[in-house]
């Protein structure tokens, strides 16, 4: 795409349906590598990624030919199929409908990446719900409680 220049950094967050803690630590690395492959195949750039047992954070550089909705749909559909094919989960596996997507400037990328890569420690002190609501408030995003993730505290 001649004469097209962009710099779009997006954090995408989505959760396991039913918010079950079913992404096992022993599978996390392989799942993260698979998701990075999806991102690369869509001409986007994976910058940081962490699959928690019940939700996932991704920071990526978005290519100008793909929308946030499209890349998120593709990541969720392909990774869900991958998890099912690997038979890591007894029974059904799906991601919840919806996602959070938040943009950042280049100067914020290092801090956001560190935050994502430190998820294991972070969630020893804070629930996913608290974390997500804090992000929405910090970024001054108006929301309706009925359209947020299903919370199972």
N, C-alpha and C. Protein backbone atom coordinates (compact mmCIF):
# COMPACT_ATOMS: atom_id res chain seq x y z
N UNK A 1 0.85 -1.18 0.00
CA UNK A 1 0.00 0.00 0.00
C UNK A 1 0.89 1.24 0.00
N UNK A 2 1.16 1.72 -1.15
CA UNK A 2 2.01 2.90 -1.28
C UNK A 2 1.37 4.09 -0.59
N UNK A 3 2.23 4.92 -0.02
CA UNK A 3 1.80 6.16 0.62
C UNK A 3 0.87 5.97 1.81
N UNK A 4 0.92 4.80 2.44
CA UNK A 4 0.13 4.56 3.64
C UNK A 4 1.08 4.34 4.81
N UNK A 5 0.95 5.17 5.81
CA UNK A 5 1.81 5.08 6.98
C UNK A 5 0.92 5.06 8.22
N UNK A 6 1.23 4.17 9.12
CA UNK A 6 0.38 4.10 10.32
C UNK A 6 1.21 3.66 11.51
N UNK A 7 0.70 4.00 12.67
CA UNK A 7 1.28 3.57 13.93
C UNK A 7 0.11 3.41 14.90
N UNK A 8 -0.39 2.19 14.97
CA UNK A 8 -1.56 1.92 15.80
C UNK A 8 -1.24 0.77 16.75
N UNK A 9 -1.23 1.07 18.03
CA UNK A 9 -0.96 0.08 19.05
C UNK A 9 -2.24 -0.18 19.83
N UNK A 10 -2.62 -1.45 19.92
CA UNK A 10 -3.90 -1.80 20.54
C UNK A 10 -3.69 -2.92 21.55
N UNK A 11 -4.27 -2.74 22.73
CA UNK A 11 -4.36 -3.84 23.69
C UNK A 11 -5.75 -4.44 23.55
N UNK A 12 -5.80 -5.75 23.37
CA UNK A 12 -7.06 -6.47 23.24
C UNK A 12 -7.19 -7.42 24.43
N UNK A 13 -8.35 -7.42 25.05
CA UNK A 13 -8.60 -8.29 26.20
C UNK A 13 -9.89 -9.05 25.94
N UNK A 14 -9.85 -10.37 26.15
CA UNK A 14 -11.06 -11.18 26.05
C UNK A 14 -10.99 -12.31 27.07
N UNK A 15 -12.15 -12.88 27.38
CA UNK A 15 -12.25 -13.84 28.48
C UNK A 15 -12.81 -15.19 28.03
N UNK A 16 -12.46 -16.21 28.79
CA UNK A 16 -13.00 -17.55 28.58
C UNK A 16 -14.49 -17.54 28.92
N UNK A 17 -15.29 -18.19 28.10
CA UNK A 17 -16.73 -18.28 28.38
C UNK A 17 -16.93 -18.98 29.71
N UNK A 18 -17.79 -18.40 30.52
CA UNK A 18 -18.04 -18.95 31.86
C UNK A 18 -16.95 -18.57 32.84
N UNK A 19 -15.94 -17.83 32.35
CA UNK A 19 -14.81 -17.37 33.16
C UNK A 19 -14.17 -18.48 33.98
N UNK A 20 -14.15 -19.67 33.42
CA UNK A 20 -13.51 -20.79 34.08
C UNK A 20 -11.99 -20.66 33.96
N UNK A 21 -11.28 -21.11 34.98
CA UNK A 21 -9.82 -21.11 34.95
C UNK A 21 -9.34 -22.37 34.25
N UNK A 22 -9.45 -22.39 32.91
CA UNK A 22 -9.18 -23.64 32.19
C UNK A 22 -7.98 -23.59 31.25
N UNK A 23 -7.35 -22.43 31.12
CA UNK A 23 -6.13 -22.39 30.32
C UNK A 23 -4.99 -22.72 31.29
N UNK A 24 -4.49 -23.91 31.17
CA UNK A 24 -3.47 -24.42 32.10
C UNK A 24 -2.11 -23.80 31.81
N UNK A 25 -1.34 -23.60 32.86
CA UNK A 25 0.00 -23.03 32.75
C UNK A 25 0.87 -23.85 31.80
N UNK A 26 0.73 -25.16 31.83
CA UNK A 26 1.56 -26.01 30.97
C UNK A 26 1.26 -25.82 29.48
N UNK A 27 0.10 -25.24 29.15
CA UNK A 27 -0.26 -25.00 27.75
C UNK A 27 -0.09 -23.54 27.33
N UNK A 28 0.16 -22.67 28.30
CA UNK A 28 0.18 -21.22 28.04
C UNK A 28 1.18 -20.84 26.95
N UNK A 29 2.41 -21.31 27.04
CA UNK A 29 3.44 -20.94 26.08
C UNK A 29 3.06 -21.34 24.66
N UNK A 30 2.58 -22.56 24.51
CA UNK A 30 2.19 -23.04 23.17
C UNK A 30 1.02 -22.23 22.61
N UNK A 31 0.04 -21.92 23.46
CA UNK A 31 -1.11 -21.12 23.03
C UNK A 31 -0.67 -19.70 22.64
N UNK A 32 0.21 -19.11 23.44
CA UNK A 32 0.69 -17.77 23.12
C UNK A 32 1.46 -17.75 21.79
N UNK A 33 2.28 -18.76 21.55
CA UNK A 33 2.99 -18.84 20.26
C UNK A 33 2.02 -19.00 19.11
N UNK A 34 0.98 -19.79 19.31
CA UNK A 34 -0.03 -19.97 18.26
C UNK A 34 -0.73 -18.63 17.96
N UNK A 35 -1.11 -17.91 19.00
CA UNK A 35 -1.77 -16.61 18.82
C UNK A 35 -0.83 -15.63 18.12
N UNK A 36 0.45 -15.65 18.47
CA UNK A 36 1.43 -14.78 17.79
C UNK A 36 1.48 -15.11 16.30
N UNK A 37 1.38 -16.38 15.96
CA UNK A 37 1.35 -16.78 14.56
C UNK A 37 0.15 -16.22 13.82
N UNK A 38 -1.00 -16.24 14.47
CA UNK A 38 -2.22 -15.67 13.87
C UNK A 38 -2.00 -14.18 13.60
N UNK A 39 -1.47 -13.49 14.60
CA UNK A 39 -1.24 -12.04 14.49
C UNK A 39 -0.27 -11.75 13.34
N UNK A 40 0.84 -12.48 13.29
CA UNK A 40 1.82 -12.29 12.20
C UNK A 40 1.21 -12.57 10.84
N UNK A 41 0.39 -13.62 10.74
CA UNK A 41 -0.23 -13.97 9.46
C UNK A 41 -1.21 -12.92 8.97
N UNK A 42 -1.68 -12.07 9.87
CA UNK A 42 -2.60 -10.98 9.51
C UNK A 42 -1.85 -9.67 9.28
N UNK A 43 -0.52 -9.75 9.16
CA UNK A 43 0.34 -8.60 8.91
C UNK A 43 0.41 -7.63 10.08
N UNK A 44 0.01 -8.10 11.26
CA UNK A 44 0.11 -7.29 12.46
C UNK A 44 1.36 -7.72 13.22
N UNK A 45 1.71 -6.97 14.26
CA UNK A 45 2.94 -7.23 14.99
C UNK A 45 2.63 -7.50 16.46
N UNK A 46 2.86 -8.74 16.94
CA UNK A 46 2.64 -9.02 18.36
C UNK A 46 3.73 -8.36 19.20
N UNK A 47 3.33 -7.62 20.22
CA UNK A 47 4.29 -6.91 21.07
C UNK A 47 4.35 -7.49 22.47
N UNK A 48 3.22 -7.94 23.01
CA UNK A 48 3.16 -8.58 24.32
C UNK A 48 1.88 -9.39 24.38
N UNK A 49 1.95 -10.50 25.08
CA UNK A 49 0.81 -11.41 25.13
C UNK A 49 0.89 -12.22 26.42
N UNK A 50 -0.24 -12.38 27.08
CA UNK A 50 -0.28 -13.25 28.26
C UNK A 50 -1.66 -13.89 28.34
N UNK A 51 -1.66 -15.22 28.34
CA UNK A 51 -2.90 -15.99 28.49
C UNK A 51 -3.04 -16.39 29.95
N UNK A 52 -3.91 -15.70 30.66
CA UNK A 52 -4.26 -16.08 32.02
C UNK A 52 -5.16 -17.31 31.96
N UNK A 53 -5.38 -17.98 33.08
CA UNK A 53 -6.27 -19.15 33.06
C UNK A 53 -7.69 -18.83 32.58
N UNK A 54 -8.14 -17.57 32.76
CA UNK A 54 -9.52 -17.22 32.41
C UNK A 54 -9.68 -16.04 31.46
N UNK A 55 -8.59 -15.41 31.08
CA UNK A 55 -8.67 -14.30 30.12
C UNK A 55 -7.30 -14.06 29.50
N UNK A 56 -7.30 -13.31 28.41
CA UNK A 56 -6.08 -13.07 27.64
C UNK A 56 -5.90 -11.58 27.36
N UNK A 57 -4.64 -11.13 27.46
CA UNK A 57 -4.25 -9.77 27.10
C UNK A 57 -3.30 -9.86 25.91
N UNK A 58 -3.53 -9.03 24.92
CA UNK A 58 -2.65 -8.97 23.74
C UNK A 58 -2.35 -7.50 23.44
N UNK A 59 -1.09 -7.19 23.24
CA UNK A 59 -0.71 -5.87 22.75
C UNK A 59 -0.11 -6.10 21.37
N UNK A 60 -0.65 -5.41 20.39
CA UNK A 60 -0.16 -5.59 19.02
C UNK A 60 -0.09 -4.28 18.27
N UNK A 61 0.75 -4.29 17.25
CA UNK A 61 0.79 -3.20 16.29
C UNK A 61 -0.16 -3.58 15.17
N UNK A 62 -1.14 -2.78 14.94
CA UNK A 62 -2.20 -3.10 13.97
C UNK A 62 -1.82 -2.64 12.57
N UNK A 63 -1.92 -3.54 11.61
CA UNK A 63 -1.69 -3.20 10.20
C UNK A 63 -2.88 -2.38 9.69
N UNK A 64 -2.66 -1.41 8.83
CA UNK A 64 -3.76 -0.54 8.40
C UNK A 64 -4.83 -1.23 7.56
N UNK A 65 -4.58 -2.44 7.10
CA UNK A 65 -5.59 -3.13 6.28
C UNK A 65 -6.53 -4.00 7.10
N UNK A 66 -6.35 -4.06 8.40
CA UNK A 66 -7.20 -4.93 9.21
C UNK A 66 -7.82 -4.14 10.36
N UNK A 67 -9.05 -4.46 10.67
CA UNK A 67 -9.73 -3.78 11.77
C UNK A 67 -9.49 -4.53 13.07
N UNK A 68 -9.68 -3.85 14.17
CA UNK A 68 -9.55 -4.47 15.49
C UNK A 68 -10.56 -5.61 15.62
N UNK A 69 -11.77 -5.40 15.15
CA UNK A 69 -12.80 -6.44 15.23
C UNK A 69 -12.39 -7.69 14.44
N UNK A 70 -11.83 -7.48 13.25
CA UNK A 70 -11.44 -8.62 12.42
C UNK A 70 -10.29 -9.41 13.04
N UNK A 71 -9.26 -8.74 13.52
CA UNK A 71 -8.13 -9.46 14.11
C UNK A 71 -8.56 -10.18 15.39
N UNK A 72 -9.41 -9.55 16.17
CA UNK A 72 -9.89 -10.18 17.40
C UNK A 72 -10.74 -11.40 17.09
N UNK A 73 -11.64 -11.27 16.12
CA UNK A 73 -12.46 -12.40 15.69
C UNK A 73 -11.59 -13.56 15.24
N UNK A 74 -10.58 -13.26 14.43
CA UNK A 74 -9.71 -14.31 13.90
C UNK A 74 -8.88 -14.97 15.01
N UNK A 75 -8.38 -14.18 15.93
CA UNK A 75 -7.61 -14.73 17.06
C UNK A 75 -8.50 -15.64 17.90
N UNK A 76 -9.68 -15.18 18.25
CA UNK A 76 -10.56 -15.96 19.11
C UNK A 76 -11.03 -17.24 18.41
N UNK A 77 -11.42 -17.14 17.15
CA UNK A 77 -11.92 -18.33 16.42
C UNK A 77 -10.80 -19.36 16.23
N UNK A 78 -9.64 -18.90 15.77
CA UNK A 78 -8.55 -19.84 15.49
C UNK A 78 -7.99 -20.45 16.77
N UNK A 79 -7.83 -19.65 17.81
CA UNK A 79 -7.27 -20.18 19.07
C UNK A 79 -8.26 -21.12 19.74
N UNK A 80 -9.54 -20.83 19.63
CA UNK A 80 -10.56 -21.73 20.18
C UNK A 80 -10.51 -23.08 19.48
N UNK A 81 -10.42 -23.06 18.17
CA UNK A 81 -10.31 -24.30 17.39
C UNK A 81 -9.03 -25.06 17.76
N UNK A 82 -7.93 -24.33 17.92
CA UNK A 82 -6.64 -24.92 18.30
C UNK A 82 -6.75 -25.63 19.66
N UNK A 83 -7.35 -24.97 20.63
CA UNK A 83 -7.52 -25.55 21.97
C UNK A 83 -8.37 -26.81 21.90
N UNK A 84 -9.43 -26.77 21.11
CA UNK A 84 -10.30 -27.95 20.96
C UNK A 84 -9.55 -29.10 20.28
N UNK A 85 -8.80 -28.80 19.22
CA UNK A 85 -8.05 -29.84 18.52
C UNK A 85 -6.97 -30.47 19.40
N UNK A 86 -6.38 -29.68 20.27
CA UNK A 86 -5.36 -30.18 21.20
C UNK A 86 -5.98 -31.00 22.34
N UNK A 87 -7.31 -30.90 22.48
CA UNK A 87 -8.03 -31.60 23.55
C UNK A 87 -7.50 -31.24 24.94
N UNK A 88 -7.19 -29.96 25.10
CA UNK A 88 -6.70 -29.48 26.39
C UNK A 88 -7.83 -29.35 27.40
N UNK A 89 -9.05 -29.24 26.91
CA UNK A 89 -10.21 -29.00 27.76
C UNK A 89 -11.18 -30.16 27.61
N UNK A 90 -11.62 -30.69 28.72
CA UNK A 90 -12.70 -31.69 28.68
C UNK A 90 -14.00 -30.93 28.48
N UNK A 91 -14.75 -31.29 27.48
CA UNK A 91 -15.99 -30.58 27.20
C UNK A 91 -15.78 -29.45 26.22
N UNK A 92 -16.68 -28.48 26.26
CA UNK A 92 -16.66 -27.38 25.30
C UNK A 92 -15.69 -26.28 25.73
N UNK A 93 -15.12 -25.61 24.75
CA UNK A 93 -14.32 -24.41 25.01
C UNK A 93 -14.75 -23.32 24.06
N UNK A 94 -14.97 -22.14 24.60
CA UNK A 94 -15.26 -20.95 23.80
C UNK A 94 -14.78 -19.73 24.56
N UNK A 95 -14.48 -18.69 23.80
CA UNK A 95 -14.25 -17.39 24.40
C UNK A 95 -15.59 -16.70 24.55
N UNK A 96 -15.74 -15.82 25.53
CA UNK A 96 -16.96 -15.04 25.70
C UNK A 96 -17.14 -14.13 24.49
N UNK A 97 -18.37 -13.75 24.23
CA UNK A 97 -18.64 -12.74 23.21
C UNK A 97 -18.01 -11.43 23.66
N UNK A 98 -17.61 -10.64 22.70
CA UNK A 98 -17.10 -9.31 23.00
C UNK A 98 -15.63 -9.31 23.38
N UNK A 99 -15.12 -8.10 23.54
CA UNK A 99 -13.72 -7.89 23.90
C UNK A 99 -13.53 -6.44 24.28
N UNK A 100 -12.41 -6.15 24.92
CA UNK A 100 -11.99 -4.78 25.16
C UNK A 100 -10.85 -4.47 24.22
N UNK A 101 -10.82 -3.28 23.67
CA UNK A 101 -9.72 -2.85 22.81
C UNK A 101 -9.37 -1.41 23.16
N UNK A 102 -8.10 -1.21 23.45
CA UNK A 102 -7.65 0.09 23.94
C UNK A 102 -6.39 0.50 23.19
N UNK A 103 -6.36 1.72 22.69
CA UNK A 103 -5.20 2.19 21.92
C UNK A 103 -4.24 2.96 22.81
N UNK A 104 -2.98 2.93 22.40
CA UNK A 104 -1.92 3.59 23.16
C UNK A 104 -0.96 4.27 22.21
N UNK A 105 -0.29 5.29 22.71
CA UNK A 105 0.75 5.96 21.93
C UNK A 105 2.06 5.18 22.07
N UNK A 106 2.98 5.45 21.18
CA UNK A 106 4.27 4.76 21.18
C UNK A 106 4.97 4.93 22.53
N UNK A 107 4.85 6.08 23.15
CA UNK A 107 5.52 6.33 24.43
C UNK A 107 4.96 5.47 25.57
N UNK A 108 3.78 4.91 25.40
CA UNK A 108 3.16 4.09 26.45
C UNK A 108 3.42 2.59 26.27
N UNK A 109 3.96 2.19 25.14
CA UNK A 109 4.07 0.77 24.78
C UNK A 109 4.89 -0.04 25.78
N UNK A 110 6.04 0.48 26.20
CA UNK A 110 6.86 -0.28 27.15
C UNK A 110 6.11 -0.56 28.45
N UNK A 111 5.41 0.43 28.97
CA UNK A 111 4.66 0.24 30.22
C UNK A 111 3.51 -0.74 30.05
N UNK A 112 2.81 -0.65 28.94
CA UNK A 112 1.69 -1.57 28.69
C UNK A 112 2.22 -2.99 28.51
N UNK A 113 3.30 -3.15 27.78
CA UNK A 113 3.89 -4.48 27.58
C UNK A 113 4.33 -5.09 28.91
N UNK A 114 4.99 -4.30 29.75
CA UNK A 114 5.41 -4.79 31.07
C UNK A 114 4.20 -5.19 31.90
N UNK A 115 3.16 -4.39 31.84
CA UNK A 115 1.93 -4.69 32.57
C UNK A 115 1.35 -6.04 32.11
N UNK A 116 1.30 -6.25 30.82
CA UNK A 116 0.75 -7.50 30.28
C UNK A 116 1.63 -8.69 30.67
N UNK A 117 2.93 -8.55 30.53
CA UNK A 117 3.83 -9.66 30.81
C UNK A 117 3.92 -9.97 32.31
N UNK A 118 3.45 -9.06 33.14
CA UNK A 118 3.46 -9.26 34.60
C UNK A 118 2.09 -9.70 35.12
N UNK A 119 1.25 -10.25 34.27
CA UNK A 119 -0.10 -10.63 34.66
C UNK A 119 -0.15 -11.62 35.82
N UNK A 120 0.71 -12.61 35.83
CA UNK A 120 0.67 -13.63 36.88
C UNK A 120 0.80 -12.98 38.26
N UNK A 121 1.75 -12.09 38.41
CA UNK A 121 1.94 -11.40 39.69
C UNK A 121 0.80 -10.43 39.96
N UNK A 122 0.40 -9.74 38.93
CA UNK A 122 -0.66 -8.73 39.05
C UNK A 122 -1.95 -9.34 39.60
N UNK A 123 -2.30 -10.53 39.10
CA UNK A 123 -3.56 -11.14 39.50
C UNK A 123 -3.51 -11.87 40.84
N UNK A 124 -2.37 -11.87 41.47
CA UNK A 124 -2.30 -12.35 42.85
C UNK A 124 -2.92 -11.33 43.79
N UNK A 125 -2.97 -10.06 43.33
CA UNK A 125 -3.44 -8.95 44.16
C UNK A 125 -4.78 -8.37 43.70
N UNK A 126 -5.14 -8.63 42.46
CA UNK A 126 -6.30 -7.95 41.89
C UNK A 126 -7.07 -8.90 40.99
N UNK A 127 -8.40 -8.86 41.08
CA UNK A 127 -9.22 -9.72 40.23
C UNK A 127 -9.28 -9.17 38.81
N UNK A 128 -9.66 -10.03 37.88
CA UNK A 128 -9.83 -9.60 36.50
C UNK A 128 -10.89 -8.50 36.41
N UNK A 129 -11.98 -8.66 37.14
CA UNK A 129 -13.04 -7.65 37.12
C UNK A 129 -12.51 -6.30 37.58
N UNK A 130 -11.78 -6.28 38.70
CA UNK A 130 -11.21 -5.02 39.20
C UNK A 130 -10.24 -4.41 38.18
N UNK A 131 -9.43 -5.27 37.59
CA UNK A 131 -8.47 -4.81 36.60
C UNK A 131 -9.19 -4.17 35.40
N UNK A 132 -10.17 -4.88 34.87
CA UNK A 132 -10.86 -4.42 33.67
C UNK A 132 -11.62 -3.11 33.92
N UNK A 133 -12.34 -3.05 35.03
CA UNK A 133 -13.07 -1.82 35.37
C UNK A 133 -12.11 -0.65 35.59
N UNK A 134 -10.95 -0.93 36.15
CA UNK A 134 -9.93 0.10 36.36
C UNK A 134 -9.44 0.65 35.02
N UNK A 135 -9.24 -0.22 34.05
CA UNK A 135 -8.81 0.22 32.72
C UNK A 135 -9.89 1.12 32.10
N UNK A 136 -11.14 0.68 32.18
CA UNK A 136 -12.23 1.48 31.61
C UNK A 136 -12.30 2.87 32.27
N UNK A 137 -12.16 2.90 33.59
CA UNK A 137 -12.21 4.18 34.30
C UNK A 137 -11.01 5.05 33.98
N UNK A 138 -9.83 4.46 33.97
CA UNK A 138 -8.60 5.22 33.70
C UNK A 138 -8.65 5.85 32.31
N UNK A 139 -9.19 5.12 31.34
CA UNK A 139 -9.27 5.62 29.97
C UNK A 139 -10.56 6.41 29.71
N UNK A 140 -11.36 6.60 30.77
CA UNK A 140 -12.60 7.38 30.71
C UNK A 140 -13.56 6.85 29.66
N UNK A 141 -13.74 5.52 29.67
CA UNK A 141 -14.65 4.86 28.74
C UNK A 141 -15.98 4.63 29.43
N UNK A 142 -17.03 5.19 28.87
CA UNK A 142 -18.37 4.96 29.41
C UNK A 142 -18.80 3.54 29.06
N UNK A 143 -19.46 2.88 29.99
CA UNK A 143 -19.89 1.51 29.76
C UNK A 143 -21.19 1.22 30.49
N UNK A 144 -21.87 0.20 30.03
CA UNK A 144 -23.09 -0.28 30.65
C UNK A 144 -22.78 -1.64 31.25
N UNK A 145 -22.98 -1.80 32.55
CA UNK A 145 -22.65 -3.05 33.26
C UNK A 145 -23.21 -4.29 32.57
N UNK A 146 -24.40 -4.18 31.98
CA UNK A 146 -25.02 -5.37 31.38
C UNK A 146 -24.28 -5.87 30.15
N UNK A 147 -23.39 -5.04 29.57
CA UNK A 147 -22.66 -5.45 28.38
C UNK A 147 -21.20 -5.78 28.64
N UNK A 148 -20.83 -5.84 29.91
CA UNK A 148 -19.46 -6.22 30.24
C UNK A 148 -19.35 -7.74 30.24
N UNK A 149 -18.13 -8.25 30.45
CA UNK A 149 -17.94 -9.69 30.54
C UNK A 149 -18.81 -10.27 31.63
N UNK A 150 -19.06 -11.57 31.54
CA UNK A 150 -19.72 -12.28 32.63
C UNK A 150 -18.72 -12.38 33.76
N UNK A 151 -19.09 -11.91 34.94
CA UNK A 151 -18.18 -11.96 36.08
C UNK A 151 -18.58 -13.09 37.00
N UNK A 152 -17.63 -13.88 37.39
CA UNK A 152 -17.86 -14.99 38.32
C UNK A 152 -16.84 -14.88 39.43
N UNK A 153 -17.11 -14.04 40.40
CA UNK A 153 -16.17 -13.85 41.51
C UNK A 153 -16.45 -14.81 42.64
